Amino acid sequence: MKIQGINHLTFSVTNLEASIAFYRDVLEGTLLVRGEKTAYFDLQGVWLALNVQEDILRTEVAYSYTHIAFTVDEQDFPAYVQRLQQLGVTIREGRPRNEAEAQSVYFTDPDGHLFEFHTGTREQRIQYYKDEKKLMTFYI
């Protein structure tokens, strides 16, 4: 028995129209279905669902590092940052990095969910930790 992969991602949102615009325009998702309180997207092969939940606290999410990162090409990175700025997306300050860790920009959707555009790979990150001789245990 083994988990086969991610089935879908779901985010609670307060304003369905604003969220649809964000996931369509910023993350380049394809809107598949829209209901009164839900919307489904194809996000580069991942099923993403939005569900309206207006009466929940959202104040703590702004302090969390929990996020979803999307891979972008190094050469396209400046254009992605510029597009976020042009669309008026809230860009959050990321954690300190050095050049070996590649480039990242962190940003939020209208409800404060955190996302990242990142140019590095998992293999590069693991090699960085090995090269820097960080106190980590490697299983690969």
C-alpha atoms as a PDB file:
ATOM      1  CA  MET A   1       0.000   0.000   0.000  1.00  0.00           C
ATOM      2  CA  LYS A   2       1.390   3.429  -0.965  1.00  0.00           C
ATOM      3  CA  ILE A   3       0.021   6.948  -1.392  1.00  0.00           C
ATOM      4  CA  GLN A   4      -0.172   7.635  -5.112  1.00  0.00           C
ATOM      5  CA  GLY A   5       0.333  11.401  -5.034  1.00  0.00           C
ATOM      6  CA  ILE A   6      -1.465  14.646  -4.310  1.00  0.00           C
ATOM      7  CA  ASN A   7      -5.125  14.482  -5.289  1.00  0.00           C
ATOM      8  CA  HIS A   8      -6.017  18.163  -4.920  1.00  0.00           C
ATOM      9  CA  LEU A   9      -5.331  21.344  -2.966  1.00  0.00           C
ATOM     10  CA  THR A  10      -8.173  23.304  -1.350  1.00  0.00           C
ATOM     11  CA  PHE A  11      -8.067  26.857  -0.014  1.00  0.00           C
ATOM     12  CA  SER A  12     -10.760  28.605   1.973  1.00  0.00           C
ATOM     13  CA  VAL A  13     -11.393  32.114   0.655  1.00  0.00           C
ATOM     14  CA  THR A  14     -13.543  35.072   1.642  1.00  0.00           C
ATOM     15  CA  ASN A  15     -14.163  36.572  -1.807  1.00  0.00           C
ATOM     16  CA  LEU A  16     -14.569  34.070  -4.638  1.00  0.00           C
ATOM     17  CA  GLU A  17     -14.272  36.663  -7.437  1.00  0.00           C
ATOM     18  CA  ALA A  18     -11.019  38.140  -6.088  1.00  0.00           C
ATOM     19  CA  SER A  19      -9.596  34.666  -5.546  1.00  0.00           C
ATOM     20  CA  ILE A  20     -10.557  33.483  -9.019  1.00  0.00           C
ATOM     21  CA  ALA A  21      -8.732  36.507 -10.471  1.00  0.00           C
ATOM     22  CA  PHE A  22      -5.639  35.731  -8.364  1.00  0.00           C
ATOM     23  CA  TYR A  23      -5.421  32.036  -9.247  1.00  0.00           C
ATOM     24  CA  ARG A  24      -6.150  32.752 -12.917  1.00  0.00           C
ATOM     25  CA  ASP A  25      -3.929  35.822 -13.397  1.00  0.00           C
ATOM     26  CA  VAL A  26      -1.081  35.259 -10.940  1.00  0.00           C
ATOM     27  CA  LEU A  27      -0.714  31.460 -10.898  1.00  0.00           C
ATOM     28  CA  GLU A  28      -1.929  31.014 -14.489  1.00  0.00           C
ATOM     29  CA  GLY A  29      -4.571  28.454 -13.525  1.00  0.00           C
ATOM     30  CA  THR A  30      -7.326  27.417 -15.900  1.00  0.00           C
ATOM     31  CA  LEU A  31     -10.780  27.856 -14.392  1.00  0.00           C
ATOM     32  CA  LEU A  32     -12.685  24.596 -14.915  1.00  0.00           C
ATOM     33  CA  VAL A  33     -15.890  25.116 -12.960  1.00  0.00           C
ATOM     34  CA  ARG A  34     -17.433  27.899 -10.896  1.00  0.00           C
ATOM     35  CA  GLY A  35     -20.287  27.554  -8.475  1.00  0.00           C
ATOM     36  CA  GLU A  36     -21.881  29.897  -5.976  1.00  0.00           C
ATOM     37  CA  LYS A  37     -19.302  29.148  -3.269  1.00  0.00           C
ATOM     38  CA  THR A  38     -16.645  27.082  -5.016  1.00  0.00           C
ATOM     39  CA  ALA A  39     -14.347  27.088  -8.031  1.00  0.00           C
ATOM     40  CA  TYR A  40     -12.070  24.430  -9.487  1.00  0.00           C
ATOM     41  CA  PHE A  41      -8.865  25.113 -11.367  1.00  0.00           C
ATOM     42  CA  ASP A  42      -6.328  23.120 -13.309  1.00  0.00           C
ATOM     43  CA  LEU A  43      -3.050  24.514 -12.023  1.00  0.00           C
ATOM     44  CA  GLN A  44      -0.401  23.020 -14.322  1.00  0.00           C
ATOM     45  CA  GLY A  45      -1.894  19.545 -13.846  1.00  0.00           C
ATOM     46  CA  VAL A  46      -2.888  19.949 -10.183  1.00  0.00           C
ATOM     47  CA  TRP A  47      -6.532  20.130  -9.168  1.00  0.00           C
ATOM     48  CA  LEU A  48      -6.992  23.232  -7.030  1.00  0.00           C
ATOM     49  CA  ALA A  49     -10.286  24.020  -5.299  1.00  0.00           C
ATOM     50  CA  LEU A  50     -11.489  27.259  -3.741  1.00  0.00           C
ATOM     51  CA  ASN A  51     -14.281  27.202  -1.168  1.00  0.00           C
ATOM     52  CA  VAL A  52     -15.872  30.280   0.362  1.00  0.00           C
ATOM     53  CA  GLN A  53     -15.591  30.424   4.169  1.00  0.00           C
ATOM     54  CA  GLU A  54     -16.258  33.976   5.285  1.00  0.00           C
ATOM     55  CA  ASP A  55     -16.475  33.576   9.061  1.00  0.00           C
ATOM     56  CA  ILE A  56     -13.046  32.194  10.027  1.00  0.00           C
ATOM     57  CA  LEU A  57     -10.099  34.020  11.568  1.00  0.00           C
ATOM     58  CA  ARG A  58      -7.322  34.777   9.116  1.00  0.00           C
ATOM     59  CA  THR A  59      -5.026  36.874  11.284  1.00  0.00           C
ATOM     60  CA  GLU A  60      -2.477  34.161  12.128  1.00  0.00           C
ATOM     61  CA  VAL A  61      -1.747  33.036   8.564  1.00  0.00           C
ATOM     62  CA  ALA A  62       0.319  36.165   7.892  1.00  0.00           C
ATOM     63  CA  TYR A  63       2.975  34.913  10.331  1.00  0.00           C
ATOM     64  CA  SER A  64       3.301  31.388   8.964  1.00  0.00           C
ATOM     65  CA  TYR A  65       6.061  30.093   6.705  1.00  0.00           C
ATOM     66  CA  THR A  66       3.750  27.310   5.479  1.00  0.00           C
ATOM     67  CA  HIS A  67       3.533  27.767   1.714  1.00  0.00           C
ATOM     68  CA  ILE A  68       3.411  26.205  -1.726  1.00  0.00           C
ATOM     69  CA  ALA A  69       6.344  26.871  -4.051  1.00  0.00           C
ATOM     70  CA  PHE A  70       6.200  26.825  -7.839  1.00  0.00           C
ATOM     71  CA  THR A  71       9.222  26.255 -10.058  1.00  0.00           C
ATOM     72  CA  VAL A  72      10.028  29.021 -12.532  1.00  0.00           C
ATOM     73  CA  ASP A  73      12.986  29.320 -14.905  1.00  0.00           C
ATOM     74  CA  GLU A  74      15.902  31.421 -13.712  1.00  0.00           C
ATOM     75  CA  GLN A  75      15.736  33.559 -16.857  1.00  0.00           C
ATOM     76  CA  ASP A  76      12.016  34.251 -16.332  1.00  0.00           C
ATOM     77  CA  PHE A  77      12.307  35.104 -12.637  1.00  0.00           C
ATOM     78  CA  PRO A  78      12.565  38.916 -13.053  1.00  0.00           C
ATOM     79  CA  ALA A  79       9.473  38.893 -15.297  1.00  0.00           C
ATOM     80  CA  TYR A  80       7.504  36.952 -12.668  1.00  0.00           C
ATOM     81  CA  VAL A  81       8.461  39.447  -9.971  1.00  0.00           C
ATOM     82  CA  GLN A  82       7.522  42.334 -12.266  1.00  0.00           C
ATOM     83  CA  ARG A  83       4.154  40.718 -13.032  1.00  0.00           C
ATOM     84  CA  LEU A  84       3.397  40.316  -9.313  1.00  0.00           C
ATOM     85  CA  GLN A  85       4.155  44.009  -8.836  1.00  0.00           C
ATOM     86  CA  GLN A  86       2.030  45.055 -11.822  1.00  0.00           C
ATOM     87  CA  LEU A  87      -0.930  43.012 -10.561  1.00  0.00           C
ATOM     88  CA  GLY A  88      -0.658  44.609  -7.121  1.00  0.00           C
ATOM     89  CA  VAL A  89       0.023  41.285  -5.393  1.00  0.00           C
ATOM     90  CA  THR A  90       1.299  41.495  -1.804  1.00  0.00           C
ATOM     91  CA  ILE A  91       4.953  40.455  -1.831  1.00  0.00           C
ATOM     92  CA  ARG A  92       6.319  39.253   1.506  1.00  0.00           C
ATOM     93  CA  GLU A  93       9.897  39.441   2.625  1.00  0.00           C
ATOM     94  CA  GLY A  94      11.476  36.006   2.426  1.00  0.00           C
ATOM     95  CA  ARG A  95      14.008  34.432   4.700  1.00  0.00           C
ATOM     96  CA  PRO A  96      17.684  35.352   4.240  1.00  0.00           C
ATOM     97  CA  ARG A  97      19.364  33.424   1.409  1.00  0.00           C
ATOM     98  CA  ASN A  98      22.753  33.049  -0.144  1.00  0.00           C
ATOM     99  CA  GLU A  99      23.393  32.775  -3.883  1.00  0.00           C
ATOM    100  CA  ALA A 100      23.732  28.978  -3.808  1.00  0.00           C
ATOM    101  CA  GLU A 101      20.062  28.649  -2.852  1.00  0.00           C
ATOM    102  CA  ALA A 102      18.652  30.097  -6.091  1.00  0.00           C
ATOM    103  CA  GLN A 103      16.071  32.886  -6.314  1.00  0.00           C
ATOM    104  CA  SER A 104      12.706  33.114  -4.589  1.00  0.00           C
ATOM    105  CA  VAL A 105       9.892  35.578  -4.214  1.00  0.00           C
ATOM    106  CA  TYR A 106       7.136  35.054  -1.630  1.00  0.00           C
ATOM    107  CA  PHE A 107       3.633  36.455  -2.135  1.00  0.00           C
ATOM    108  CA  THR A 108       0.109  36.027  -0.826  1.00  0.00           C
ATOM    109  CA  ASP A 109      -3.327  35.513  -2.285  1.00  0.00           C
ATOM    110  CA  PRO A 110      -6.179  37.828  -1.194  1.00  0.00           C
ATOM    111  CA  ASP A 111      -6.739  35.708   1.958  1.00  0.00           C
ATOM    112  CA  GLY A 112      -3.098  35.596   3.040  1.00  0.00           C
ATOM    113  CA  HIS A 113      -2.138  32.104   1.792  1.00  0.00           C
ATOM    114  CA  LEU A 114       1.597  32.152   1.095  1.00  0.00           C
ATOM    115  CA  PHE A 115       3.144  31.125  -2.223  1.00  0.00           C
ATOM    116  CA  GLU A 116       6.641  31.196  -3.667  1.00  0.00           C
ATOM    117  CA  PHE A 117       8.134  31.336  -7.150  1.00  0.00           C
ATOM    118  CA  HIS A 118      11.481  29.518  -6.867  1.00  0.00           C
ATOM    119  CA  THR A 119      14.232  28.843  -9.402  1.00  0.00           C
ATOM    120  CA  GLY A 120      16.065  26.045  -7.586  1.00  0.00           C
ATOM    121  CA  THR A 121      15.556  22.299  -7.509  1.00  0.00           C
ATOM    122  CA  ARG A 122      15.372  19.796  -4.675  1.00  0.00           C
ATOM    123  CA  GLU A 123      18.671  18.288  -5.821  1.00  0.00           C
ATOM    124  CA  GLN A 124      20.406  21.677  -5.721  1.00  0.00           C
ATOM    125  CA  ARG A 125      19.131  22.299  -2.179  1.00  0.00           C
ATOM    126  CA  ILE A 126      20.348  18.920  -0.941  1.00  0.00           C
ATOM    127  CA  GLN A 127      23.751  19.498  -2.544  1.00  0.00           C
ATOM    128  CA  TYR A 128      23.929  22.930  -0.884  1.00  0.00           C
ATOM    129  CA  TYR A 129      23.455  21.361   2.540  1.00  0.00           C
ATOM    130  CA  LYS A 130      26.040  18.673   1.776  1.00  0.00           C
ATOM    131  CA  ASP A 131      28.572  21.239   0.512  1.00  0.00           C
ATOM    132  CA  GLU A 132      28.055  23.486   3.526  1.00  0.00           C
ATOM    133  CA  LYS A 133      28.381  20.459   5.821  1.00  0.00           C
ATOM    134  CA  LYS A 134      25.227  21.390   7.675  1.00  0.00           C
ATOM    135  CA  LEU A 135      24.304  19.249  10.670  1.00  0.00           C
ATOM    136  CA  MET A 136      21.791  17.127   8.818  1.00  0.00           C
ATOM    137  CA  THR A 137      21.233  13.439   8.236  1.00  0.00           C
ATOM    138  CA  PHE A 138      20.991  12.452   4.577  1.00  0.00           C
ATOM    139  CA  TYR A 139      18.935   9.441   3.487  1.00  0.00           C
ATOM    140  CA  ILE A 140      19.692   9.612  -0.224  1.00  0.00           C
END
